[in-house]
mmCIF file of all heavy atoms, coordinates in Angstrom:
data_MODEL
# 
_entry.id   MODEL 
# 
loop_
_atom_site.group_PDB 
_atom_site.id 
_atom_site.type_symbol 
_atom_site.label_atom_id 
_atom_site.label_alt_id 
_atom_site.label_comp_id 
_atom_site.label_asym_id 
_atom_site.label_entity_id 
_atom_site.label_seq_id 
_atom_site.pdbx_PDB_ins_code 
_atom_site.Cartn_x 
_atom_site.Cartn_y 
_atom_site.Cartn_z 
_atom_site.occupancy 
_atom_site.B_iso_or_equiv 
_atom_site.pdbx_formal_charge 
_atom_site.auth_seq_id 
_atom_site.auth_comp_id 
_atom_site.auth_asym_id 
_atom_site.auth_atom_id 
_atom_site.pdbx_PDB_model_num 
ATOM 1   N N   . GLU A 1 1  ? 144.704 95.682  81.555 1.00 0.00 ? 1  GLU A N   1 
ATOM 2   C CA  . GLU A 1 1  ? 143.678 95.131  80.678 1.00 0.00 ? 1  GLU A CA  1 
ATOM 3   C C   . GLU A 1 1  ? 142.338 95.136  81.407 1.00 0.00 ? 1  GLU A C   1 
ATOM 4   O O   . GLU A 1 1  ? 142.283 95.346  82.628 1.00 0.00 ? 1  GLU A O   1 
ATOM 5   C CB  . GLU A 1 1  ? 144.060 93.705  80.267 1.00 0.00 ? 1  GLU A CB  1 
ATOM 6   C CG  . GLU A 1 1  ? 145.374 93.620  79.486 1.00 0.00 ? 1  GLU A CG  1 
ATOM 7   C CD  . GLU A 1 1  ? 145.737 92.186  79.177 1.00 0.00 ? 1  GLU A CD  1 
ATOM 8   O OE1 . GLU A 1 1  ? 145.025 91.285  79.669 1.00 0.00 ? 1  GLU A OE1 1 
ATOM 9   O OE2 . GLU A 1 1  ? 146.722 91.969  78.450 1.00 0.00 ? 1  GLU A OE2 1 
ATOM 10  N N   . PRO A 1 2  ? 141.242 94.920  80.669 1.00 0.00 ? 2  PRO A N   1 
ATOM 11  C CA  . PRO A 1 2  ? 139.927 94.842  81.329 1.00 0.00 ? 2  PRO A CA  1 
ATOM 12  C C   . PRO A 1 2  ? 139.951 93.874  82.503 1.00 0.00 ? 2  PRO A C   1 
ATOM 13  O O   . PRO A 1 2  ? 140.478 92.772  82.412 1.00 0.00 ? 2  PRO A O   1 
ATOM 14  C CB  . PRO A 1 2  ? 139.004 94.351  80.198 1.00 0.00 ? 2  PRO A CB  1 
ATOM 15  C CG  . PRO A 1 2  ? 139.656 94.855  78.949 1.00 0.00 ? 2  PRO A CG  1 
ATOM 16  C CD  . PRO A 1 2  ? 141.144 94.776  79.211 1.00 0.00 ? 2  PRO A CD  1 
ATOM 17  N N   . SER A 1 3  ? 139.399 94.314  83.613 1.00 0.00 ? 3  SER A N   1 
ATOM 18  C CA  . SER A 1 3  ? 139.442 93.505  84.830 1.00 0.00 ? 3  SER A CA  1 
ATOM 19  C C   . SER A 1 3  ? 138.312 93.939  85.746 1.00 0.00 ? 3  SER A C   1 
ATOM 20  O O   . SER A 1 3  ? 137.691 94.991  85.542 1.00 0.00 ? 3  SER A O   1 
ATOM 21  C CB  . SER A 1 3  ? 140.779 93.696  85.542 1.00 0.00 ? 3  SER A CB  1 
ATOM 22  O OG  . SER A 1 3  ? 140.879 95.024  86.040 1.00 0.00 ? 3  SER A OG  1 
ATOM 23  N N   . PRO A 1 4  ? 138.014 93.157  86.796 1.00 0.00 ? 4  PRO A N   1 
ATOM 24  C CA  . PRO A 1 4  ? 136.978 93.565  87.753 1.00 0.00 ? 4  PRO A CA  1 
ATOM 25  C C   . PRO A 1 4  ? 137.284 94.910  88.411 1.00 0.00 ? 4  PRO A C   1 
ATOM 26  O O   . PRO A 1 4  ? 136.357 95.670  88.724 1.00 0.00 ? 4  PRO A O   1 
ATOM 27  C CB  . PRO A 1 4  ? 137.001 92.424  88.781 1.00 0.00 ? 4  PRO A CB  1 
ATOM 28  C CG  . PRO A 1 4  ? 137.491 91.239  88.017 1.00 0.00 ? 4  PRO A CG  1 
ATOM 29  C CD  . PRO A 1 4  ? 138.495 91.789  87.050 1.00 0.00 ? 4  PRO A CD  1 
ATOM 30  N N   . ILE A 1 5  ? 138.568 95.218  88.617 1.00 0.00 ? 5  ILE A N   1 
ATOM 31  C CA  . ILE A 1 5  ? 138.921 96.495  89.227 1.00 0.00 ? 5  ILE A CA  1 
ATOM 32  C C   . ILE A 1 5  ? 138.479 97.646  88.338 1.00 0.00 ? 5  ILE A C   1 
ATOM 33  O O   . ILE A 1 5  ? 137.913 98.633  88.805 1.00 0.00 ? 5  ILE A O   1 
ATOM 34  C CB  . ILE A 1 5  ? 140.439 96.566  89.497 1.00 0.00 ? 5  ILE A CB  1 
ATOM 35  C CG1 . ILE A 1 5  ? 140.833 95.597  90.599 1.00 0.00 ? 5  ILE A CG1 1 
ATOM 36  C CG2 . ILE A 1 5  ? 140.853 97.991  89.877 1.00 0.00 ? 5  ILE A CG2 1 
ATOM 37  C CD1 . ILE A 1 5  ? 142.306 95.580  90.908 1.00 0.00 ? 5  ILE A CD1 1 
ATOM 38  N N   . ARG A 1 6  ? 138.728 97.526  87.050 1.00 0.00 ? 6  ARG A N   1 
ATOM 39  C CA  . ARG A 1 6  ? 138.315 98.582  86.129 1.00 0.00 ? 6  ARG A CA  1 
ATOM 40  C C   . ARG A 1 6  ? 136.789 98.727  86.112 1.00 0.00 ? 6  ARG A C   1 
ATOM 41  O O   . ARG A 1 6  ? 136.271 99.840  86.015 1.00 0.00 ? 6  ARG A O   1 
ATOM 42  C CB  . ARG A 1 6  ? 138.850 98.288  84.727 1.00 0.00 ? 6  ARG A CB  1 
ATOM 43  C CG  . ARG A 1 6  ? 140.360 98.447  84.621 1.00 0.00 ? 6  ARG A CG  1 
ATOM 44  C CD  . ARG A 1 6  ? 140.812 98.400  83.180 1.00 0.00 ? 6  ARG A CD  1 
ATOM 45  N NE  . ARG A 1 6  ? 142.209 98.827  83.070 1.00 0.00 ? 6  ARG A NE  1 
ATOM 46  C CZ  . ARG A 1 6  ? 142.689 99.526  82.066 1.00 0.00 ? 6  ARG A CZ  1 
ATOM 47  N NH1 . ARG A 1 6  ? 141.896 99.895  81.080 1.00 0.00 ? 6  ARG A NH1 1 
ATOM 48  N NH2 . ARG A 1 6  ? 143.959 99.872  82.021 1.00 0.00 ? 6  ARG A NH2 1 
ATOM 49  N N   . ASP A 1 7  ? 136.091 97.608  86.189 1.00 0.00 ? 7  ASP A N   1 
ATOM 50  C CA  . ASP A 1 7  ? 134.630 97.668  86.240 1.00 0.00 ? 7  ASP A CA  1 
ATOM 51  C C   . ASP A 1 7  ? 134.159 98.417  87.483 1.00 0.00 ? 7  ASP A C   1 
ATOM 52  O O   . ASP A 1 7  ? 133.191 99.184  87.432 1.00 0.00 ? 7  ASP A O   1 
ATOM 53  C CB  . ASP A 1 7  ? 134.041 96.251  86.225 1.00 0.00 ? 7  ASP A CB  1 
ATOM 54  C CG  . ASP A 1 7  ? 134.311 95.521  84.910 1.00 0.00 ? 7  ASP A CG  1 
ATOM 55  O OD1 . ASP A 1 7  ? 134.577 96.204  83.893 1.00 0.00 ? 7  ASP A OD1 1 
ATOM 56  O OD2 . ASP A 1 7  ? 134.273 94.274  84.912 1.00 0.00 ? 7  ASP A OD2 1 
ATOM 57  N N   . LYS A 1 8  ? 134.843 98.204  88.608 1.00 0.00 ? 8  LYS A N   1 
ATOM 58  C CA  . LYS A 1 8  ? 134.478 98.896  89.847 1.00 0.00 ? 8  LYS A CA  1 
ATOM 59  C C   . LYS A 1 8  ? 134.691 100.399 89.719 1.00 0.00 ? 8  LYS A C   1 
ATOM 60  O O   . LYS A 1 8  ? 133.867 101.200 90.176 1.00 0.00 ? 8  LYS A O   1 
ATOM 61  C CB  . LYS A 1 8  ? 135.302 98.338  91.007 1.00 0.00 ? 8  LYS A CB  1 
ATOM 62  C CG  . LYS A 1 8  ? 135.020 96.881  91.331 1.00 0.00 ? 8  LYS A CG  1 
ATOM 63  C CD  . LYS A 1 8  ? 136.026 96.336  92.336 1.00 0.00 ? 8  LYS A CD  1 
ATOM 64  C CE  . LYS A 1 8  ? 135.808 94.861  92.615 1.00 0.00 ? 8  LYS A CE  1 
ATOM 65  N NZ  . LYS A 1 8  ? 136.822 94.302  93.539 1.00 0.00 ? 8  LYS A NZ  1 
ATOM 66  N N   . LEU A 1 9  ? 135.810 100.780 89.098 1.00 0.00 ? 9  LEU A N   1 
ATOM 67  C CA  . LEU A 1 9  ? 136.073 102.211 88.919 1.00 0.00 ? 9  LEU A CA  1 
ATOM 68  C C   . LEU A 1 9  ? 135.049 102.840 87.984 1.00 0.00 ? 9  LEU A C   1 
ATOM 69  O O   . LEU A 1 9  ? 134.639 103.987 88.187 1.00 0.00 ? 9  LEU A O   1 
ATOM 70  C CB  . LEU A 1 9  ? 137.490 102.413 88.380 1.00 0.00 ? 9  LEU A CB  1 
ATOM 71  C CG  . LEU A 1 9  ? 138.633 102.044 89.329 1.00 0.00 ? 9  LEU A CG  1 
ATOM 72  C CD1 . LEU A 1 9  ? 139.977 102.353 88.687 1.00 0.00 ? 9  LEU A CD1 1 
ATOM 73  C CD2 . LEU A 1 9  ? 138.498 102.794 90.645 1.00 0.00 ? 9  LEU A CD2 1 
ATOM 74  N N   . LEU A 1 10 ? 134.644 102.113 86.953 1.00 0.00 ? 10 LEU A N   1 
ATOM 75  C CA  . LEU A 1 10 ? 133.624 102.636 86.047 1.00 0.00 ? 10 LEU A CA  1 
ATOM 76  C C   . LEU A 1 10 ? 132.312 102.904 86.792 1.00 0.00 ? 10 LEU A C   1 
ATOM 77  O O   . LEU A 1 10 ? 131.641 103.905 86.538 1.00 0.00 ? 10 LEU A O   1 
ATOM 78  C CB  . LEU A 1 10 ? 133.384 101.650 84.903 1.00 0.00 ? 10 LEU A CB  1 
ATOM 79  C CG  . LEU A 1 10 ? 134.381 101.704 83.740 1.00 0.00 ? 10 LEU A CG  1 
ATOM 80  C CD1 . LEU A 1 10 ? 134.117 100.556 82.759 1.00 0.00 ? 10 LEU A CD1 1 
ATOM 81  C CD2 . LEU A 1 10 ? 134.283 103.047 83.022 1.00 0.00 ? 10 LEU A CD2 1 
ATOM 82  N N   . ALA A 1 11 ? 131.966 102.011 87.715 1.00 0.00 ? 11 ALA A N   1 
ATOM 83  C CA  . ALA A 1 11 ? 130.743 102.191 88.498 1.00 0.00 ? 11 ALA A CA  1 
ATOM 84  C C   . ALA A 1 11 ? 130.826 103.461 89.341 1.00 0.00 ? 11 ALA A C   1 
ATOM 85  O O   . ALA A 1 11 ? 129.857 104.229 89.429 1.00 0.00 ? 11 ALA A O   1 
ATOM 86  C CB  . ALA A 1 11 ? 130.495 100.971 89.384 1.00 0.00 ? 11 ALA A CB  1 
ATOM 87  N N   . LEU A 1 12 ? 131.993 103.700 89.957 1.00 0.00 ? 12 LEU A N   1 
ATOM 88  C CA  . LEU A 1 12 ? 132.161 104.926 90.743 1.00 0.00 ? 12 LEU A CA  1 
ATOM 89  C C   . LEU A 1 12 ? 132.169 106.150 89.841 1.00 0.00 ? 12 LEU A C   1 
ATOM 90  O O   . LEU A 1 12 ? 131.659 107.215 90.214 1.00 0.00 ? 12 LEU A O   1 
ATOM 91  C CB  . LEU A 1 12 ? 133.466 104.852 91.540 1.00 0.00 ? 12 LEU A CB  1 
ATOM 92  C CG  . LEU A 1 12 ? 133.464 103.943 92.766 1.00 0.00 ? 12 LEU A CG  1 
ATOM 93  C CD1 . LEU A 1 12 ? 134.833 103.952 93.429 1.00 0.00 ? 12 LEU A CD1 1 
ATOM 94  C CD2 . LEU A 1 12 ? 132.404 104.389 93.760 1.00 0.00 ? 12 LEU A CD2 1 
ATOM 95  N N   . SER A 1 13 ? 132.767 106.015 88.660 1.00 0.00 ? 13 SER A N   1 
ATOM 96  C CA  . SER A 1 13 ? 132.791 107.128 87.720 1.00 0.00 ? 13 SER A CA  1 
ATOM 97  C C   . SER A 1 13 ? 131.379 107.519 87.300 1.00 0.00 ? 13 SER A C   1 
ATOM 98  O O   . SER A 1 13 ? 131.054 108.702 87.175 1.00 0.00 ? 13 SER A O   1 
ATOM 99  C CB  . SER A 1 13 ? 133.618 106.747 86.486 1.00 0.00 ? 13 SER A CB  1 
ATOM 100 O OG  . SER A 1 13 ? 133.587 107.770 85.511 1.00 0.00 ? 13 SER A OG  1 
ATOM 101 N N   . GLU A 1 14 ? 130.523 106.529 87.093 1.00 0.00 ? 14 GLU A N   1 
ATOM 102 C CA  . GLU A 1 14 ? 129.134 106.810 86.734 1.00 0.00 ? 14 GLU A CA  1 
ATOM 103 C C   . GLU A 1 14 ? 128.398 107.520 87.857 1.00 0.00 ? 14 GLU A C   1 
ATOM 104 O O   . GLU A 1 14 ? 127.427 108.246 87.623 1.00 0.00 ? 14 GLU A O   1 
ATOM 105 C CB  . GLU A 1 14 ? 128.428 105.505 86.373 1.00 0.00 ? 14 GLU A CB  1 
ATOM 106 C CG  . GLU A 1 14 ? 128.930 104.889 85.062 1.00 0.00 ? 14 GLU A CG  1 
ATOM 107 C CD  . GLU A 1 14 ? 128.337 103.510 84.805 1.00 0.00 ? 14 GLU A CD  1 
ATOM 108 O OE1 . GLU A 1 14 ? 127.561 103.033 85.673 1.00 0.00 ? 14 GLU A OE1 1 
ATOM 109 O OE2 . GLU A 1 14 ? 128.646 102.924 83.759 1.00 0.00 ? 14 GLU A OE2 1 
ATOM 110 N N   . ALA A 1 15 ? 128.877 107.331 89.110 1.00 0.00 ? 15 ALA A N   1 
ATOM 111 C CA  . ALA A 1 15 ? 128.275 108.025 90.255 1.00 0.00 ? 15 ALA A CA  1 
ATOM 112 C C   . ALA A 1 15 ? 128.825 109.438 90.408 1.00 0.00 ? 15 ALA A C   1 
ATOM 113 O O   . ALA A 1 15 ? 128.411 110.161 91.314 1.00 0.00 ? 15 ALA A O   1 
ATOM 114 C CB  . ALA A 1 15 ? 128.523 107.232 91.535 1.00 0.00 ? 15 ALA A CB  1 
ATOM 115 N N   . GLY A 1 16 ? 129.785 109.827 89.522 1.00 0.00 ? 16 GLY A N   1 
ATOM 116 C CA  . GLY A 1 16 ? 130.292 111.195 89.536 1.00 0.00 ? 16 GLY A CA  1 
ATOM 117 C C   . GLY A 1 16 ? 131.684 111.365 90.101 1.00 0.00 ? 16 GLY A C   1 
ATOM 118 O O   . GLY A 1 16 ? 132.219 112.477 90.099 1.00 0.00 ? 16 GLY A O   1 
ATOM 119 N N   . TYR A 1 17 ? 132.308 110.290 90.584 1.00 0.00 ? 17 TYR A N   1 
ATOM 120 C CA  . TYR A 1 17 ? 133.643 110.406 91.175 1.00 0.00 ? 17 TYR A CA  1 
ATOM 121 C C   . TYR A 1 17 ? 134.712 110.413 90.090 1.00 0.00 ? 17 TYR A C   1 
ATOM 122 O O   . TYR A 1 17 ? 134.555 109.814 89.022 1.00 0.00 ? 17 TYR A O   1 
ATOM 123 C CB  . TYR A 1 17 ? 133.891 109.255 92.155 1.00 0.00 ? 17 TYR A CB  1 
ATOM 124 C CG  . TYR A 1 17 ? 133.090 109.395 93.427 1.00 0.00 ? 17 TYR A CG  1 
ATOM 125 C CD1 . TYR A 1 17 ? 131.837 108.792 93.549 1.00 0.00 ? 17 TYR A CD1 1 
ATOM 126 C CD2 . TYR A 1 17 ? 133.562 110.154 94.501 1.00 0.00 ? 17 TYR A CD2 1 
ATOM 127 C CE1 . TYR A 1 17 ? 131.083 108.933 94.706 1.00 0.00 ? 17 TYR A CE1 1 
ATOM 128 C CE2 . TYR A 1 17 ? 132.816 110.299 95.658 1.00 0.00 ? 17 TYR A CE2 1 
ATOM 129 C CZ  . TYR A 1 17 ? 131.576 109.688 95.756 1.00 0.00 ? 17 TYR A CZ  1 
ATOM 130 O OH  . TYR A 1 17 ? 130.836 109.837 96.903 1.00 0.00 ? 17 TYR A OH  1 
ATOM 131 N N   . ARG A 1 18 ? 135.819 111.112 90.390 1.00 0.00 ? 18 ARG A N   1 
ATOM 132 C CA  . ARG A 1 18 ? 136.931 111.207 89.456 1.00 0.00 ? 18 ARG A CA  1 
ATOM 133 C C   . ARG A 1 18 ? 138.216 110.732 90.130 1.00 0.00 ? 18 ARG A C   1 
ATOM 134 O O   . ARG A 1 18 ? 138.333 110.725 91.365 1.00 0.00 ? 18 ARG A O   1 
ATOM 135 C CB  . ARG A 1 18 ? 137.086 112.646 88.956 1.00 0.00 ? 18 ARG A CB  1 
ATOM 136 C CG  . ARG A 1 18 ? 135.908 113.108 88.096 1.00 0.00 ? 18 ARG A CG  1 
ATOM 137 C CD  . ARG A 1 18 ? 135.837 112.288 86.816 1.00 0.00 ? 18 ARG A CD  1 
ATOM 138 N NE  . ARG A 1 18 ? 134.656 112.621 86.013 1.00 0.00 ? 18 ARG A NE  1 
ATOM 139 C CZ  . ARG A 1 18 ? 133.549 111.902 85.983 1.00 0.00 ? 18 ARG A CZ  1 
ATOM 140 N NH1 . ARG A 1 18 ? 133.453 110.802 86.735 1.00 0.00 ? 18 ARG A NH1 1 
ATOM 141 N NH2 . ARG A 1 18 ? 132.543 112.259 85.220 1.00 0.00 ? 18 ARG A NH2 1 
ATOM 142 N N   . PHE A 1 19 ? 139.207 110.360 89.296 1.00 0.00 ? 19 PHE A N   1 
ATOM 143 C CA  . PHE A 1 19 ? 140.413 109.721 89.792 1.00 0.00 ? 19 PHE A CA  1 
ATOM 144 C C   . PHE A 1 19 ? 141.666 110.411 89.275 1.00 0.00 ? 19 PHE A C   1 
ATOM 145 O O   . PHE A 1 19 ? 141.633 111.185 88.314 1.00 0.00 ? 19 PHE A O   1 
ATOM 146 C CB  . PHE A 1 19 ? 140.422 108.243 89.382 1.00 0.00 ? 19 PHE A CB  1 
ATOM 147 C CG  . PHE A 1 19 ? 139.115 107.547 89.583 1.00 0.00 ? 19 PHE A CG  1 
ATOM 148 C CD1 . PHE A 1 19 ? 138.404 107.033 88.508 1.00 0.00 ? 19 PHE A CD1 1 
ATOM 149 C CD2 . PHE A 1 19 ? 138.576 107.428 90.856 1.00 0.00 ? 19 PHE A CD2 1 
ATOM 150 C CE1 . PHE A 1 19 ? 137.181 106.406 88.697 1.00 0.00 ? 19 PHE A CE1 1 
ATOM 151 C CE2 . PHE A 1 19 ? 137.357 106.800 91.061 1.00 0.00 ? 19 PHE A CE2 1 
ATOM 152 C CZ  . PHE A 1 19 ? 136.655 106.288 89.975 1.00 0.00 ? 19 PHE A CZ  1 
ATOM 153 N N   . SER A 1 20 ? 142.775 110.090 89.937 1.00 0.00 ? 20 SER A N   1 
ATOM 154 C CA  . SER A 1 20 ? 144.080 110.622 89.548 1.00 0.00 ? 20 SER A CA  1 
ATOM 155 C C   . SER A 1 20 ? 145.081 109.468 89.501 1.00 0.00 ? 20 SER A C   1 
ATOM 156 O O   . SER A 1 20 ? 145.076 108.603 90.380 1.00 0.00 ? 20 SER A O   1 
ATOM 157 C CB  . SER A 1 20 ? 144.544 111.683 90.551 1.00 0.00 ? 20 SER A CB  1 
ATOM 158 O OG  . SER A 1 20 ? 145.883 112.077 90.298 1.00 0.00 ? 20 SER A OG  1 
ATOM 159 N N   . LEU A 1 21 ? 145.933 109.460 88.484 1.00 0.00 ? 21 LEU A N   1 
ATOM 160 C CA  . LEU A 1 21 ? 146.990 108.458 88.374 1.00 0.00 ? 21 LEU A CA  1 
ATOM 161 C C   . LEU A 1 21 ? 148.289 109.086 88.860 1.00 0.00 ? 21 LEU A C   1 
ATOM 162 O O   . LEU A 1 21 ? 148.717 110.124 88.345 1.00 0.00 ? 21 LEU A O   1 
ATOM 163 C CB  . LEU A 1 21 ? 147.143 107.996 86.920 1.00 0.00 ? 21 LEU A CB  1 
ATOM 164 C CG  . LEU A 1 21 ? 148.070 106.795 86.695 1.00 0.00 ? 21 LEU A CG  1 
ATOM 165 C CD1 . LEU A 1 21 ? 147.434 105.527 87.279 1.00 0.00 ? 21 LEU A CD1 1 
ATOM 166 C CD2 . LEU A 1 21 ? 148.354 106.602 85.204 1.00 0.00 ? 21 LEU A CD2 1 
ATOM 167 N N   . ASP A 1 22 ? 148.912 108.469 89.873 1.00 0.00 ? 22 ASP A N   1 
ATOM 168 C CA  . ASP A 1 22 ? 150.154 109.033 90.407 1.00 0.00 ? 22 ASP A CA  1 
ATOM 169 C C   . ASP A 1 22 ? 151.216 107.938 90.547 1.00 0.00 ? 22 ASP A C   1 
ATOM 170 O O   . ASP A 1 22 ? 151.039 106.824 90.076 1.00 0.00 ? 22 ASP A O   1 
ATOM 171 C CB  . ASP A 1 22 ? 149.916 109.762 91.732 1.00 0.00 ? 22 ASP A CB  1 
ATOM 172 C CG  . ASP A 1 22 ? 149.581 108.814 92.875 1.00 0.00 ? 22 ASP A CG  1 
ATOM 173 O OD1 . ASP A 1 22 ? 149.310 107.622 92.615 1.00 0.00 ? 22 ASP A OD1 1 
ATOM 174 O OD2 . ASP A 1 22 ? 149.595 109.258 94.035 1.00 0.00 ? 22 ASP A OD2 1 
ATOM 175 N N   . HIS A 1 23 ? 152.345 108.307 91.173 1.00 0.00 ? 23 HIS A N   1 
ATOM 176 C CA  . HIS A 1 23 ? 153.499 107.409 91.267 1.00 0.00 ? 23 HIS A CA  1 
ATOM 177 C C   . HIS A 1 23 ? 153.837 106.841 89.887 1.00 0.00 ? 23 HIS A C   1 
ATOM 178 O O   . HIS A 1 23 ? 154.060 105.645 89.714 1.00 0.00 ? 23 HIS A O   1 
ATOM 179 C CB  . HIS A 1 23 ? 153.237 106.269 92.261 1.00 0.00 ? 23 HIS A CB  1 
ATOM 180 C CG  . HIS A 1 23 ? 153.160 106.737 93.688 1.00 0.00 ? 23 HIS A CG  1 
ATOM 181 N ND1 . HIS A 1 23 ? 151.985 107.157 94.272 1.00 0.00 ? 23 HIS A ND1 1 
ATOM 182 C CD2 . HIS A 1 23 ? 154.119 106.869 94.635 1.00 0.00 ? 23 HIS A CD2 1 
ATOM 183 C CE1 . HIS A 1 23 ? 152.218 107.511 95.523 1.00 0.00 ? 23 HIS A CE1 1 
ATOM 184 N NE2 . HIS A 1 23 ? 153.504 107.358 95.775 1.00 0.00 ? 23 HIS A NE2 1 
ATOM 185 N N   . ILE A 1 24 ? 153.867 107.736 88.910 1.00 0.00 ? 24 ILE A N   1 
ATOM 186 C CA  . ILE A 1 24 ? 154.105 107.329 87.527 1.00 0.00 ? 24 ILE A CA  1 
ATOM 187 C C   . ILE A 1 24 ? 155.594 107.126 87.288 1.00 0.00 ? 24 ILE A C   1 
ATOM 188 O O   . ILE A 1 24 ? 156.414 107.985 87.622 1.00 0.00 ? 24 ILE A O   1 
ATOM 189 C CB  . ILE A 1 24 ? 153.541 108.392 86.558 1.00 0.00 ? 24 ILE A CB  1 
ATOM 190 C CG1 . ILE A 1 24 ? 152.008 108.409 86.659 1.00 0.00 ? 24 ILE A CG1 1 
ATOM 191 C CG2 . ILE A 1 24 ? 153.989 108.124 85.121 1.00 0.00 ? 24 ILE A CG2 1 
ATOM 192 C CD1 . ILE A 1 24 ? 151.354 109.505 85.856 1.00 0.00 ? 24 ILE A CD1 1 
ATOM 193 N N   . THR A 1 25 ? 155.929 105.992 86.709 1.00 0.00 ? 25 THR A N   1 
ATOM 194 C CA  . THR A 1 25 ? 157.317 105.703 86.354 1.00 0.00 ? 25 THR A CA  1 
ATOM 195 C C   . THR A 1 25 ? 157.489 105.512 84.846 1.00 0.00 ? 25 THR A C   1 
ATOM 196 O O   . THR A 1 25 ? 158.603 105.567 84.342 1.00 0.00 ? 25 THR A O   1 
ATOM 197 C CB  . THR A 1 25 ? 157.801 104.431 87.077 1.00 0.00 ? 25 THR A CB  1 
ATOM 198 O OG1 . THR A 1 25 ? 156.930 103.334 86.757 1.00 0.00 ? 25 THR A OG1 1 
ATOM 199 C CG2 . THR A 1 25 ? 157.793 104.632 88.587 1.00 0.00 ? 25 THR A CG2 1 
ATOM 200 N N   . ASP A 1 26 ? 156.400 105.276 84.144 1.00 0.00 ? 26 ASP A N   1 
ATOM 201 C CA  . ASP A 1 26 ? 156.438 105.072 82.697 1.00 0.00 ? 26 ASP A CA  1 
ATOM 202 C C   . ASP A 1 26 ? 155.522 106.104 82.042 1.00 0.00 ? 26 ASP A C   1 
ATOM 203 O O   . ASP A 1 26 ? 154.308 106.102 82.263 1.00 0.00 ? 26 ASP A O   1 
ATOM 204 C CB  . ASP A 1 26 ? 155.979 103.649 82.364 1.00 0.00 ? 26 ASP A CB  1 
ATOM 205 C CG  . ASP A 1 26 ? 156.053 103.341 80.868 1.00 0.00 ? 26 ASP A CG  1 
ATOM 206 O OD1 . ASP A 1 26 ? 156.479 104.224 80.093 1.00 0.00 ? 26 ASP A OD1 1 
ATOM 207 O OD2 . ASP A 1 26 ? 155.672 102.219 80.480 1.00 0.00 ? 26 ASP A OD2 1 
# 
């Protein structure tokens, strides 16, 4: 859910960084 962590990632995303979701079990 919306959280400070997600806000931090959005800030990095706006700076041009991209992410990957791994260790997926679901």
